[in-house]
């Protein structure tokens, strides 16, 4: 059992490492923000930026794009509660609100506490 578990871990590690090696930089989105231009590595001759030739992200256009990216995540959308349409006044914590229509009274579940004798028989 130990040998098969070790073999599975070795295969999983190799596949995990291969996923980084097979990553495709051309799948990255094209956007401004990496101002490296056409800088090239002097040893291998590869580009030093993920998207070479893009201009730097500055100014109002960059701020507008940054503000739009997370709008769906931070927008609050509450479900509509039809019972809230009846509320006329909310007096505060611990008190029932005044509503339009029939007044519903909530009786306490216990009318009287349990009595205990001083000396049990």
PDB file of N, CA and C in Angstrom:
ATOM      1  N   UNK A   1       0.830  -1.187   0.000  1.00  0.00           N
ATOM      2  CA  UNK A   1       0.000   0.000   0.000  1.00  0.00           C
ATOM      3  C   UNK A   1       0.874   1.249   0.000  1.00  0.00           C
ATOM      4  N   UNK A   2       1.967   1.216   0.757  1.00  0.00           N
ATOM      5  CA  UNK A   2       2.849   2.385   0.808  1.00  0.00           C
ATOM      6  C   UNK A   2       3.477   2.671  -0.545  1.00  0.00           C
ATOM      7  N   UNK A   3       3.833   1.618  -1.270  1.00  0.00           N
ATOM      8  CA  UNK A   3       4.471   1.814  -2.576  1.00  0.00           C
ATOM      9  C   UNK A   3       3.496   2.448  -3.564  1.00  0.00           C
ATOM     10  N   UNK A   4       2.244   2.002  -3.538  1.00  0.00           N
ATOM     11  CA  UNK A   4       1.266   2.570  -4.470  1.00  0.00           C
ATOM     12  C   UNK A   4       0.944   4.020  -4.101  1.00  0.00           C
ATOM     13  N   UNK A   5       0.902   4.332  -2.808  1.00  0.00           N
ATOM     14  CA  UNK A   5       0.659   5.706  -2.376  1.00  0.00           C
ATOM     15  C   UNK A   5       1.819   6.605  -2.778  1.00  0.00           C
ATOM     16  N   UNK A   6       3.035   6.117  -2.593  1.00  0.00           N
ATOM     17  CA  UNK A   6       4.208   6.897  -3.006  1.00  0.00           C
ATOM     18  C   UNK A   6       4.230   7.106  -4.514  1.00  0.00           C
ATOM     19  N   UNK A   7       3.861   6.085  -5.270  1.00  0.00           N
ATOM     20  CA  UNK A   7       3.832   6.211  -6.731  1.00  0.00           C
ATOM     21  C   UNK A   7       2.801   7.251  -7.158  1.00  0.00           C
ATOM     22  N   UNK A   8       1.646   7.236  -6.517  1.00  0.00           N
ATOM     23  CA  UNK A   8       0.607   8.230  -6.840  1.00  0.00           C
ATOM     24  C   UNK A   8       1.081   9.636  -6.511  1.00  0.00           C
ATOM     25  N   UNK A   9       1.755   9.799  -5.384  1.00  0.00           N
ATOM     26  CA  UNK A   9       2.270  11.124  -5.023  1.00  0.00           C
ATOM     27  C   UNK A   9       3.330  11.603  -6.010  1.00  0.00           C
ATOM     28  N   UNK A  10       4.186  10.718  -6.482  1.00  0.00           N
ATOM     29  CA  UNK A  10       5.210  11.091  -7.463  1.00  0.00           C
ATOM     30  C   UNK A  10       4.561  11.520  -8.767  1.00  0.00           C
ATOM     31  N   UNK A  11       3.575  10.764  -9.228  1.00  0.00           N
ATOM     32  CA  UNK A  11       2.874  11.116 -10.469  1.00  0.00           C
ATOM     33  C   UNK A  11       2.149  12.451 -10.316  1.00  0.00           C
ATOM     34  N   UNK A  12       1.499  12.660  -9.172  1.00  0.00           N
ATOM     35  CA  UNK A  12       0.784  13.928  -8.949  1.00  0.00           C
ATOM     36  C   UNK A  12       1.763  15.100  -8.919  1.00  0.00           C
ATOM     37  N   UNK A  13       2.930  14.922  -8.317  1.00  0.00           N
ATOM     38  CA  UNK A  13       3.929  15.983  -8.275  1.00  0.00           C
ATOM     39  C   UNK A  13       4.444  16.305  -9.669  1.00  0.00           C
ATOM     40  N   UNK A  14       4.678  15.277 -10.471  1.00  0.00           N
ATOM     41  CA  UNK A  14       5.154  15.499 -11.840  1.00  0.00           C
ATOM     42  C   UNK A  14       4.098  16.233 -12.661  1.00  0.00           C
ATOM     43  N   UNK A  15       2.839  15.823 -12.528  1.00  0.00           N
ATOM     44  CA  UNK A  15       1.769  16.501 -13.275  1.00  0.00           C
ATOM     45  C   UNK A  15       1.598  17.948 -12.821  1.00  0.00           C
ATOM     46  N   UNK A  16       1.729  18.182 -11.520  1.00  0.00           N
ATOM     47  CA  UNK A  16       1.621  19.554 -11.006  1.00  0.00           C
ATOM     48  C   UNK A  16       2.752  20.423 -11.559  1.00  0.00           C
ATOM     49  N   UNK A  17       3.949  19.905 -11.583  1.00  0.00           N
ATOM     50  CA  UNK A  17       5.085  20.650 -12.150  1.00  0.00           C
ATOM     51  C   UNK A  17       4.938  20.872 -13.645  1.00  0.00           C
ATOM     52  N   UNK A  18       4.380  19.884 -14.344  1.00  0.00           N
ATOM     53  CA  UNK A  18       4.199  20.020 -15.793  1.00  0.00           C
ATOM     54  C   UNK A  18       3.154  21.075 -16.119  1.00  0.00           C
ATOM     55  N   UNK A  19       2.196  21.275 -15.226  1.00  0.00           N
ATOM     56  CA  UNK A  19       1.180  22.298 -15.497  1.00  0.00           C
ATOM     57  C   UNK A  19       1.806  23.686 -15.568  1.00  0.00           C
ATOM     58  N   UNK A  20       2.836  23.929 -14.761  1.00  0.00           N
ATOM     59  CA  UNK A  20       3.539  25.216 -14.849  1.00  0.00           C
ATOM     60  C   UNK A  20       4.354  25.304 -16.133  1.00  0.00           C
ATOM     61  N   UNK A  21       4.952  24.204 -16.527  1.00  0.00           N
ATOM     62  CA  UNK A  21       5.787  24.212 -17.727  1.00  0.00           C
ATOM     63  C   UNK A  21       4.951  24.394 -18.984  1.00  0.00           C
ATOM     64  N   UNK A  22       3.733  23.911 -18.974  1.00  0.00           N
ATOM     65  CA  UNK A  22       2.882  23.985 -20.164  1.00  0.00           C
ATOM     66  C   UNK A  22       1.976  25.217 -20.167  1.00  0.00           C
ATOM     67  N   UNK A  23       2.158  26.097 -19.202  1.00  0.00           N
ATOM     68  CA  UNK A  23       1.349  27.320 -19.170  1.00  0.00           C
ATOM     69  C   UNK A  23       1.574  28.140 -20.433  1.00  0.00           C
ATOM     70  N   UNK A  24       0.506  28.688 -20.994  1.00  0.00           N
ATOM     71  CA  UNK A  24       0.600  29.402 -22.257  1.00  0.00           C
ATOM     72  C   UNK A  24       0.485  30.902 -22.005  1.00  0.00           C
ATOM     73  N   UNK A  25       1.591  31.658 -22.145  1.00  0.00           N
ATOM     74  CA  UNK A  25       1.510  33.098 -21.891  1.00  0.00           C
ATOM     75  C   UNK A  25       0.633  33.843 -22.891  1.00  0.00           C
ATOM     76  N   UNK A  26       0.363  33.251 -24.050  1.00  0.00           N
ATOM     77  CA  UNK A  26      -0.486  33.937 -25.016  1.00  0.00           C
ATOM     78  C   UNK A  26      -1.948  33.938 -24.584  1.00  0.00           C
ATOM     79  N   UNK A  27      -2.295  33.144 -23.565  1.00  0.00           N
ATOM     80  CA  UNK A  27      -3.659  33.127 -23.063  1.00  0.00           C
ATOM     81  C   UNK A  27      -3.905  34.237 -22.052  1.00  0.00           C
ATOM     82  N   UNK A  28      -2.868  34.953 -21.649  1.00  0.00           N
ATOM     83  CA  UNK A  28      -3.044  36.055 -20.719  1.00  0.00           C
ATOM     84  C   UNK A  28      -3.815  37.185 -21.389  1.00  0.00           C
ATOM     85  N   UNK A  29      -4.616  37.944 -20.648  1.00  0.00           N
ATOM     86  CA  UNK A  29      -5.373  39.035 -21.257  1.00  0.00           C
ATOM     87  C   UNK A  29      -4.448  40.164 -21.699  1.00  0.00           C
ATOM     88  N   UNK A  30      -4.824  40.818 -22.779  1.00  0.00           N
ATOM     89  CA  UNK A  30      -4.044  41.968 -23.228  1.00  0.00           C
ATOM     90  C   UNK A  30      -4.593  43.207 -22.547  1.00  0.00           C
ATOM     91  N   UNK A  31      -3.768  43.873 -21.801  1.00  0.00           N
ATOM     92  CA  UNK A  31      -4.165  45.073 -21.081  1.00  0.00           C
ATOM     93  C   UNK A  31      -2.931  45.913 -20.823  1.00  0.00           C
ATOM     94  N   UNK A  32      -3.113  47.194 -20.626  1.00  0.00           N
ATOM     95  CA  UNK A  32      -1.966  48.022 -20.273  1.00  0.00           C
ATOM     96  C   UNK A  32      -1.559  47.753 -18.827  1.00  0.00           C
ATOM     97  N   UNK A  33      -0.312  47.999 -18.509  1.00  0.00           N
ATOM     98  CA  UNK A  33       0.089  47.819 -17.134  1.00  0.00           C
ATOM     99  C   UNK A  33       1.466  47.232 -16.955  1.00  0.00           C
ATOM    100  N   UNK A  34       2.072  46.716 -17.993  1.00  0.00           N
ATOM    101  CA  UNK A  34       3.436  46.222 -17.917  1.00  0.00           C
ATOM    102  C   UNK A  34       4.300  47.094 -18.829  1.00  0.00           C
ATOM    103  N   UNK A  35       4.888  48.148 -18.287  1.00  0.00           N
ATOM    104  CA  UNK A  35       5.589  49.111 -19.146  1.00  0.00           C
ATOM    105  C   UNK A  35       7.001  48.680 -19.524  1.00  0.00           C
ATOM    106  N   UNK A  36       7.258  47.391 -19.705  1.00  0.00           N
ATOM    107  CA  UNK A  36       8.600  46.942 -20.025  1.00  0.00           C
ATOM    108  C   UNK A  36       8.940  47.148 -21.489  1.00  0.00           C
ATOM    109  N   UNK A  37       7.949  47.424 -22.305  1.00  0.00           N
ATOM    110  CA  UNK A  37       8.222  47.642 -23.715  1.00  0.00           C
ATOM    111  C   UNK A  37       8.718  46.372 -24.369  1.00  0.00           C
ATOM    112  N   UNK A  38       9.736  46.523 -25.197  1.00  0.00           N
ATOM    113  CA  UNK A  38      10.256  45.369 -25.923  1.00  0.00           C
ATOM    114  C   UNK A  38      11.583  44.926 -25.327  1.00  0.00           C
ATOM    115  N   UNK A  39      11.692  44.915 -23.987  1.00  0.00           N
ATOM    116  CA  UNK A  39      12.914  44.492 -23.322  1.00  0.00           C
ATOM    117  C   UNK A  39      13.155  43.003 -23.575  1.00  0.00           C
ATOM    118  N   UNK A  40      14.418  42.664 -23.842  1.00  0.00           N
ATOM    119  CA  UNK A  40      14.768  41.298 -24.196  1.00  0.00           C
ATOM    120  C   UNK A  40      15.876  40.812 -23.272  1.00  0.00           C
ATOM    121  N   UNK A  41      15.790  39.555 -22.873  1.00  0.00           N
ATOM    122  CA  UNK A  41      16.815  38.935 -22.045  1.00  0.00           C
ATOM    123  C   UNK A  41      18.097  38.806 -22.864  1.00  0.00           C
ATOM    124  N   UNK A  42      19.242  39.325 -22.364  1.00  0.00           N
ATOM    125  CA  UNK A  42      20.470  39.282 -23.170  1.00  0.00           C
ATOM    126  C   UNK A  42      21.037  37.867 -23.330  1.00  0.00           C
ATOM    127  N   UNK A  43      20.689  36.951 -22.449  1.00  0.00           N
ATOM    128  CA  UNK A  43      21.262  35.602 -22.537  1.00  0.00           C
ATOM    129  C   UNK A  43      20.468  34.730 -23.503  1.00  0.00           C
ATOM    130  N   UNK A  44      19.152  34.656 -23.295  1.00  0.00           N
ATOM    131  CA  UNK A  44      18.325  33.747 -24.095  1.00  0.00           C
ATOM    132  C   UNK A  44      17.594  34.444 -25.231  1.00  0.00           C
ATOM    133  N   UNK A  45      17.498  35.752 -25.183  1.00  0.00           N
ATOM    134  CA  UNK A  45      16.807  36.478 -26.241  1.00  0.00           C
ATOM    135  C   UNK A  45      15.300  36.452 -26.127  1.00  0.00           C
ATOM    136  N   UNK A  46      14.772  36.015 -24.974  1.00  0.00           N
ATOM    137  CA  UNK A  46      13.330  35.979 -24.785  1.00  0.00           C
ATOM    138  C   UNK A  46      12.839  37.325 -24.283  1.00  0.00           C
ATOM    139  N   UNK A  47      11.549  37.583 -24.497  1.00  0.00           N
ATOM    140  CA  UNK A  47      10.938  38.817 -24.016  1.00  0.00           C
ATOM    141  C   UNK A  47      10.849  38.784 -22.499  1.00  0.00           C
ATOM    142  N   UNK A  48      11.055  39.917 -21.844  1.00  0.00           N
ATOM    143  CA  UNK A  48      11.011  39.995 -20.386  1.00  0.00           C
ATOM    144  C   UNK A  48       9.618  40.324 -19.860  1.00  0.00           C
ATOM    145  N   UNK A  49       8.685  40.640 -20.725  1.00  0.00           N
ATOM    146  CA  UNK A  49       7.339  40.993 -20.288  1.00  0.00           C
ATOM    147  C   UNK A  49       6.343  39.965 -20.812  1.00  0.00           C
ATOM    148  N   UNK A  50       5.219  39.823 -20.118  1.00  0.00           N
ATOM    149  CA  UNK A  50       4.182  38.906 -20.584  1.00  0.00           C
ATOM    150  C   UNK A  50       3.488  39.443 -21.827  1.00  0.00           C
ATOM    151  N   UNK A  51       3.359  40.735 -21.923  1.00  0.00           N
ATOM    152  CA  UNK A  51       2.734  41.346 -23.088  1.00  0.00           C
ATOM    153  C   UNK A  51       3.617  42.495 -23.569  1.00  0.00           C
ATOM    154  N   UNK A  52       4.670  42.195 -24.320  1.00  0.00           N
ATOM    155  CA  UNK A  52       5.605  43.234 -24.734  1.00  0.00           C
ATOM    156  C   UNK A  52       4.950  44.248 -25.655  1.00  0.00           C
ATOM    157  N   UNK A  53       5.402  45.484 -25.517  1.00  0.00           N
ATOM    158  CA  UNK A  53       4.901  46.542 -26.387  1.00  0.00           C
ATOM    159  C   UNK A  53       3.673  47.255 -25.875  1.00  0.00           C
ATOM    160  N   UNK A  54       3.089  46.811 -24.757  1.00  0.00           N
ATOM    161  CA  UNK A  54       1.914  47.484 -24.205  1.00  0.00           C
ATOM    162  C   UNK A  54       2.358  48.756 -23.494  1.00  0.00           C
ATOM    163  N   UNK A  55       1.501  49.769 -23.502  1.00  0.00           N
ATOM    164  CA  UNK A  55       1.838  51.009 -22.817  1.00  0.00           C
ATOM    165  C   UNK A  55       1.467  50.916 -21.344  1.00  0.00           C
ATOM    166  N   UNK A  56       1.985  51.820 -20.556  1.00  0.00           N
ATOM    167  CA  UNK A  56       1.755  51.826 -19.125  1.00  0.00           C
ATOM    168  C   UNK A  56       0.325  52.265 -18.807  1.00  0.00           C
ATOM    169  N   UNK A  57      -0.242  51.722 -17.757  1.00  0.00           N
ATOM    170  CA  UNK A  57      -1.617  52.050 -17.368  1.00  0.00           C
ATOM    171  C   UNK A  57      -1.603  53.273 -16.460  1.00  0.00           C
ATOM    172  N   UNK A  58      -1.899  54.426 -17.013  1.00  0.00           N
ATOM    173  CA  UNK A  58      -1.953  55.663 -16.235  1.00  0.00           C
ATOM    174  C   UNK A  58      -3.171  56.469 -16.668  1.00  0.00           C
ATOM    175  N   UNK A  59      -3.577  57.389 -15.811  1.00  0.00           N
ATOM    176  CA  UNK A  59      -4.621  58.333 -16.171  1.00  0.00           C
ATOM    177  C   UNK A  59      -6.017  57.845 -15.842  1.00  0.00           C
ATOM    178  N   UNK A  60      -7.001  58.621 -16.314  1.00  0.00           N
ATOM    179  CA  UNK A  60      -8.401  58.350 -16.008  1.00  0.00           C
ATOM    180  C   UNK A  60      -8.897  57.048 -16.617  1.00  0.00           C
ATOM    181  N   UNK A  61      -8.407  56.719 -17.794  1.00  0.00           N
ATOM    182  CA  UNK A  61      -8.862  55.499 -18.455  1.00  0.00           C
ATOM    183  C   UNK A  61      -8.508  54.267 -17.615  1.00  0.00           C
ATOM    184  N   UNK A  62      -7.311  54.243 -17.049  1.00  0.00           N
ATOM    185  CA  UNK A  62      -6.892  53.114 -16.216  1.00  0.00           C
ATOM    186  C   UNK A  62      -7.732  53.047 -14.939  1.00  0.00           C
ATOM    187  N   UNK A  63      -8.046  54.201 -14.354  1.00  0.00           N
ATOM    188  CA  UNK A  63      -8.865  54.214 -13.145  1.00  0.00           C
ATOM    189  C   UNK A  63     -10.285  53.724 -13.424  1.00  0.00           C
ATOM    190  N   UNK A  64     -10.842  54.100 -14.562  1.00  0.00           N
ATOM    191  CA  UNK A  64     -12.186  53.657 -14.919  1.00  0.00           C
ATOM    192  C   UNK A  64     -12.227  52.149 -15.147  1.00  0.00           C
ATOM    193  N   UNK A  65     -11.222  51.633 -15.828  1.00  0.00           N
ATOM    194  CA  UNK A  65     -11.184  50.191 -16.065  1.00  0.00           C
ATOM    195  C   UNK A  65     -11.016  49.423 -14.753  1.00  0.00           C
ATOM    196  N   UNK A  66     -10.215  49.954 -13.840  1.00  0.00           N
ATOM    197  CA  UNK A  66     -10.012  49.302 -12.551  1.00  0.00           C
ATOM    198  C   UNK A  66     -11.293  49.325 -11.724  1.00  0.00           C
ATOM    199  N   UNK A  67     -12.065  50.395 -11.820  1.00  0.00           N
ATOM    200  CA  UNK A  67     -13.303  50.500 -11.049  1.00  0.00           C
ATOM    201  C   UNK A  67     -14.375  49.557 -11.579  1.00  0.00           C
ATOM    202  N   UNK A  68     -14.366  49.276 -12.864  1.00  0.00           N
ATOM    203  CA  UNK A  68     -15.402  48.448 -13.474  1.00  0.00           C
ATOM    204  C   UNK A  68     -15.147  46.964 -13.242  1.00  0.00           C
ATOM    205  N   UNK A  69     -13.898  46.567 -13.008  1.00  0.00           N
ATOM    206  CA  UNK A  69     -13.580  45.142 -12.943  1.00  0.00           C
ATOM    207  C   UNK A  69     -14.278  44.419 -11.803  1.00  0.00           C
ATOM    208  N   UNK A  70     -14.544  45.068 -10.685  1.00  0.00           N
ATOM    209  CA  UNK A  70     -15.071  44.368  -9.515  1.00  0.00           C
ATOM    210  C   UNK A  70     -16.491  44.792  -9.152  1.00  0.00           C
ATOM    211  N   UNK A  71     -17.215  45.380 -10.086  1.00  0.00           N
ATOM    212  CA  UNK A  71     -18.547  45.902  -9.787  1.00  0.00           C
ATOM    213  C   UNK A  71     -19.511  44.786  -9.380  1.00  0.00           C
ATOM    214  N   UNK A  72     -19.509  43.677 -10.091  1.00  0.00           N
ATOM    215  CA  UNK A  72     -20.449  42.592  -9.792  1.00  0.00           C
ATOM    216  C   UNK A  72     -20.181  41.985  -8.414  1.00  0.00           C
ATOM    217  N   UNK A  73     -18.935  41.987  -8.012  1.00  0.00           N
ATOM    218  CA  UNK A  73     -18.575  41.366  -6.728  1.00  0.00           C
ATOM    219  C   UNK A  73     -19.025  42.208  -5.538  1.00  0.00           C
ATOM    220  N   UNK A  74     -18.997  43.520  -5.659  1.00  0.00           N
ATOM    221  CA  UNK A  74     -19.279  44.384  -4.520  1.00  0.00           C
ATOM    222  C   UNK A  74     -20.692  44.967  -4.528  1.00  0.00           C
ATOM    223  N   UNK A  75     -21.476  44.682  -5.554  1.00  0.00           N
ATOM    224  CA  UNK A  75     -22.830  45.210  -5.619  1.00  0.00           C
ATOM    225  C   UNK A  75     -23.737  44.411  -4.693  1.00  0.00           C
ATOM    226  N   UNK A  76     -24.528  45.105  -3.893  1.00  0.00           N
ATOM    227  CA  UNK A  76     -25.441  44.451  -2.958  1.00  0.00           C
ATOM    228  C   UNK A  76     -26.808  44.306  -3.611  1.00  0.00           C
ATOM    229  N   UNK A  77     -27.321  43.102  -3.623  1.00  0.00           N
ATOM    230  CA  UNK A  77     -28.663  42.882  -4.164  1.00  0.00           C
ATOM    231  C   UNK A  77     -29.469  42.125  -3.119  1.00  0.00           C
ATOM    232  N   UNK A  78     -30.457  42.793  -2.561  1.00  0.00           N
ATOM    233  CA  UNK A  78     -31.289  42.204  -1.522  1.00  0.00           C
ATOM    234  C   UNK A  78     -32.583  41.696  -2.127  1.00  0.00           C
ATOM    235  N   UNK A  79     -33.075  40.583  -1.608  1.00  0.00           N
ATOM    236  CA  UNK A  79     -34.348  40.065  -2.093  1.00  0.00           C
ATOM    237  C   UNK A  79     -35.475  40.945  -1.545  1.00  0.00           C
ATOM    238  N   UNK A  80     -36.542  41.052  -2.310  1.00  0.00           N
ATOM    239  CA  UNK A  80     -37.677  41.893  -1.909  1.00  0.00           C
ATOM    240  C   UNK A  80     -38.553  41.104  -0.948  1.00  0.00           C
ATOM    241  N   UNK A  81     -38.799  41.662   0.231  1.00  0.00           N
ATOM    242  CA  UNK A  81     -39.659  41.031   1.222  1.00  0.00           C
ATOM    243  C   UNK A  81     -41.007  41.738   1.188  1.00  0.00           C
ATOM    244  N   UNK A  82     -42.039  41.030   0.792  1.00  0.00           N
ATOM    245  CA  UNK A  82     -43.380  41.622   0.665  1.00  0.00           C
ATOM    246  C   UNK A  82     -43.947  42.044   2.021  1.00  0.00           C
ATOM    247  N   UNK A  83     -43.501  41.436   3.110  1.00  0.00           N
ATOM    248  CA  UNK A  83     -44.006  41.796   4.431  1.00  0.00           C
ATOM    249  C   UNK A  83     -43.522  43.189   4.851  1.00  0.00           C
ATOM    250  N   UNK A  84     -42.393  43.633   4.331  1.00  0.00           N
ATOM    251  CA  UNK A  84     -41.875  44.952   4.694  1.00  0.00           C
ATOM    252  C   UNK A  84     -42.712  46.095   4.130  1.00  0.00           C
ATOM    253  N   UNK A  85     -43.558  45.826   3.145  1.00  0.00           N
ATOM    254  CA  UNK A  85     -44.387  46.871   2.555  1.00  0.00           C
ATOM    255  C   UNK A  85     -45.462  47.339   3.532  1.00  0.00           C
ATOM    256  N   UNK A  86     -45.820  46.517   4.514  1.00  0.00           N
ATOM    257  CA  UNK A  86     -46.859  46.865   5.490  1.00  0.00           C
ATOM    258  C   UNK A  86     -46.335  47.751   6.615  1.00  0.00           C
ATOM    259  N   UNK A  87     -45.039  47.844   6.802  1.00  0.00           N
ATOM    260  CA  UNK A  87     -44.467  48.543   7.952  1.00  0.00           C
ATOM    261  C   UNK A  87     -44.654  50.055   7.807  1.00  0.00           C
ATOM    262  N   UNK A  88     -45.241  50.664   8.843  1.00  0.00           N
ATOM    263  CA  UNK A  88     -45.428  52.111   8.879  1.00  0.00           C
ATOM    264  C   UNK A  88     -44.328  52.773   9.704  1.00  0.00           C
ATOM    265  N   UNK A  89     -43.947  52.153  10.813  1.00  0.00           N
ATOM    266  CA  UNK A  89     -42.969  52.753  11.722  1.00  0.00           C
ATOM    267  C   UNK A  89     -42.195  51.654  12.426  1.00  0.00           C
ATOM    268  N   UNK A  90     -40.896  51.829  12.541  1.00  0.00           N
ATOM    269  CA  UNK A  90     -40.049  50.889  13.277  1.00  0.00           C
ATOM    270  C   UNK A  90     -39.597  51.583  14.556  1.00  0.00           C
ATOM    271  N   UNK A  91     -40.181  51.211  15.712  1.00  0.00           N
ATOM    272  CA  UNK A  91     -39.864  51.919  16.951  1.00  0.00           C
ATOM    273  C   UNK A  91     -38.478  51.623  17.507  1.00  0.00           C
ATOM    274  N   UNK A  92     -37.881  50.513  17.193  1.00  0.00           N
ATOM    275  CA  UNK A  92     -36.536  50.230  17.695  1.00  0.00           C
ATOM    276  C   UNK A  92     -36.363  48.773  18.057  1.00  0.00           C
ATOM    277  N   UNK A  93     -35.207  48.476  18.627  1.00  0.00           N
ATOM    278  CA  UNK A  93     -34.873  47.102  18.954  1.00  0.00           C
ATOM    279  C   UNK A  93     -35.754  46.584  20.084  1.00  0.00           C
ATOM    280  N   UNK A  94     -36.229  45.359  19.963  1.00  0.00           N
ATOM    281  CA  UNK A  94     -37.028  44.733  20.995  1.00  0.00           C
ATOM    282  C   UNK A  94     -38.499  45.070  20.928  1.00  0.00           C
ATOM    283  N   UNK A  95     -38.901  45.989  20.070  1.00  0.00           N
ATOM    284  CA  UNK A  95     -40.306  46.373  19.952  1.00  0.00           C
ATOM    285  C   UNK A  95     -40.815  45.999  18.563  1.00  0.00           C
ATOM    286  N   UNK A  96     -42.079  45.579  18.512  1.00  0.00           N
ATOM    287  CA  UNK A  96     -42.656  45.232  17.227  1.00  0.00           C
ATOM    288  C   UNK A  96     -42.979  46.489  16.429  1.00  0.00           C
ATOM    289  N   UNK A  97     -42.819  46.457  15.115  1.00  0.00           N
ATOM    290  CA  UNK A  97     -43.120  47.637  14.305  1.00  0.00           C
ATOM    291  C   UNK A  97     -44.629  47.849  14.162  1.00  0.00           C
ATOM    292  N   UNK A  98     -45.011  49.090  13.894  1.00  0.00           N
ATOM    293  CA  UNK A  98     -46.414  49.398  13.614  1.00  0.00           C
ATOM    294  C   UNK A  98     -46.646  49.136  12.139  1.00  0.00           C
ATOM    295  N   UNK A  99     -47.698  48.349  11.858  1.00  0.00           N
ATOM    296  CA  UNK A  99     -47.944  47.937  10.482  1.00  0.00           C
ATOM    297  C   UNK A  99     -49.327  48.349  10.025  1.00  0.00           C
ATOM    298  N   UNK A 100     -49.506  48.355   8.713  1.00  0.00           N
ATOM    299  CA  UNK A 100     -50.794  48.642   8.098  1.00  0.00           C
ATOM    300  C   UNK A 100     -51.540  47.318   7.987  1.00  0.00           C
ATOM    301  N   UNK A 101     -52.800  47.289   8.329  1.00  0.00           N
ATOM    302  CA  UNK A 101     -53.573  46.060   8.242  1.00  0.00           C
ATOM    303  C   UNK A 101     -53.814  45.464   9.611  1.00  0.00           C
ATOM    304  N   UNK A 102     -54.097  44.152   9.664  1.00  0.00           N
ATOM    305  CA  UNK A 102     -54.416  43.529  10.951  1.00  0.00           C
ATOM    306  C   UNK A 102     -53.207  43.547  11.887  1.00  0.00           C
ATOM    307  N   UNK A 103     -53.481  43.820  13.149  1.00  0.00           N
ATOM    308  CA  UNK A 103     -52.430  43.833  14.159  1.00  0.00           C
ATOM    309  C   UNK A 103     -52.316  42.430  14.725  1.00  0.00           C
ATOM    310  N   UNK A 104     -51.151  41.864  14.665  1.00  0.00           N
ATOM    311  CA  UNK A 104     -50.931  40.509  15.154  1.00  0.00           C
ATOM    312  C   UNK A 104     -50.265  40.612  16.510  1.00  0.00           C
ATOM    313  N   UNK A 105     -50.918  40.028  17.529  1.00  0.00           N
ATOM    314  CA  UNK A 105     -50.348  40.040  18.869  1.00  0.00           C
ATOM    315  C   UNK A 105     -49.668  38.704  19.115  1.00  0.00           C
ATOM    316  N   UNK A 106     -48.498  38.776  19.665  1.00  0.00           N
ATOM    317  CA  UNK A 106     -47.751  37.562  19.981  1.00  0.00           C
ATOM    318  C   UNK A 106     -47.797  37.364  21.481  1.00  0.00           C
ATOM    319  N   UNK A 107     -48.457  36.300  21.906  1.00  0.00           N
ATOM    320  CA  UNK A 107     -48.577  35.985  23.323  1.00  0.00           C
ATOM    321  C   UNK A 107     -47.322  35.255  23.776  1.00  0.00           C
ATOM    322  N   UNK A 108     -46.917  35.483  25.027  1.00  0.00           N
ATOM    323  CA  UNK A 108     -45.760  34.751  25.520  1.00  0.00           C
ATOM    324  C   UNK A 108     -46.081  33.262  25.623  1.00  0.00           C
ATOM    325  N   UNK A 109     -45.125  32.390  25.336  1.00  0.00           N
ATOM    326  CA  UNK A 109     -45.411  30.950  25.351  1.00  0.00           C
ATOM    327  C   UNK A 109     -45.671  30.404  26.745  1.00  0.00           C
ATOM    328  N   UNK A 110     -45.208  31.079  27.805  1.00  0.00           N
ATOM    329  CA  UNK A 110     -45.400  30.607  29.173  1.00  0.00           C
ATOM    330  C   UNK A 110     -46.179  31.664  29.946  1.00  0.00           C
ATOM    331  N   UNK A 111     -47.305  31.257  30.554  1.00  0.00           N
ATOM    332  CA  UNK A 111     -48.110  32.214  31.321  1.00  0.00           C
ATOM    333  C   UNK A 111     -47.636  32.314  32.764  1.00  0.00           C
ATOM    334  N   UNK A 112     -47.159  31.214  33.320  1.00  0.00           N
ATOM    335  CA  UNK A 112     -46.790  31.197  34.719  1.00  0.00           C
ATOM    336  C   UNK A 112     -45.605  30.251  34.906  1.00  0.00           C
ATOM    337  N   UNK A 113     -44.696  30.620  35.781  1.00  0.00           N
ATOM    338  CA  UNK A 113     -43.530  29.791  36.046  1.00  0.00           C
ATOM    339  C   UNK A 113     -43.870  28.592  36.918  1.00  0.00           C
ATOM    340  N   UNK A 114     -42.980  27.635  36.999  1.00  0.00           N
ATOM    341  CA  UNK A 114     -43.164  26.444  37.825  1.00  0.00           C
ATOM    342  C   UNK A 114     -42.923  26.780  39.274  1.00  0.00           C
ATOM    343  N   UNK A 115     -43.805  26.325  40.150  1.00  0.00           N
ATOM    344  CA  UNK A 115     -43.648  26.585  41.575  1.00  0.00           C
ATOM    345  C   UNK A 115     -42.928  25.407  42.219  1.00  0.00           C
ATOM    346  N   UNK A 116     -41.977  25.719  43.084  1.00  0.00           N
ATOM    347  CA  UNK A 116     -41.217  24.673  43.762  1.00  0.00           C
ATOM    348  C   UNK A 116     -41.453  24.835  45.264  1.00  0.00           C
ATOM    349  N   UNK A 117     -41.794  23.717  45.929  1.00  0.00           N
ATOM    350  CA  UNK A 117     -41.988  23.731  47.380  1.00  0.00           C
ATOM    351  C   UNK A 117     -40.624  23.817  48.065  1.00  0.00           C
ATOM    352  N   UNK A 118     -40.600  24.458  49.237  1.00  0.00           N
ATOM    353  CA  UNK A 118     -39.348  24.554  49.988  1.00  0.00           C
ATOM    354  C   UNK A 118     -38.883  23.197  50.464  1.00  0.00           C
ATOM    355  N   UNK A 119     -39.813  22.405  50.976  1.00  0.00           N
ATOM    356  CA  UNK A 119     -39.457  21.101  51.514  1.00  0.00           C
ATOM    357  C   UNK A 119     -40.150  20.015  50.680  1.00  0.00           C
ATOM    358  N   UNK A 120     -39.377  19.273  49.936  1.00  0.00           N
ATOM    359  CA  UNK A 120     -40.017  18.207  49.143  1.00  0.00           C
ATOM    360  C   UNK A 120     -40.524  17.084  50.052  1.00  0.00           C
ATOM    361  N   UNK A 121     -41.611  16.467  49.695  1.00  0.00           N
ATOM    362  CA  UNK A 121     -42.217  15.392  50.509  1.00  0.00           C
ATOM    363  C   UNK A 121     -41.871  14.041  49.963  1.00  0.00           C
TER     364      UNK A 121
END
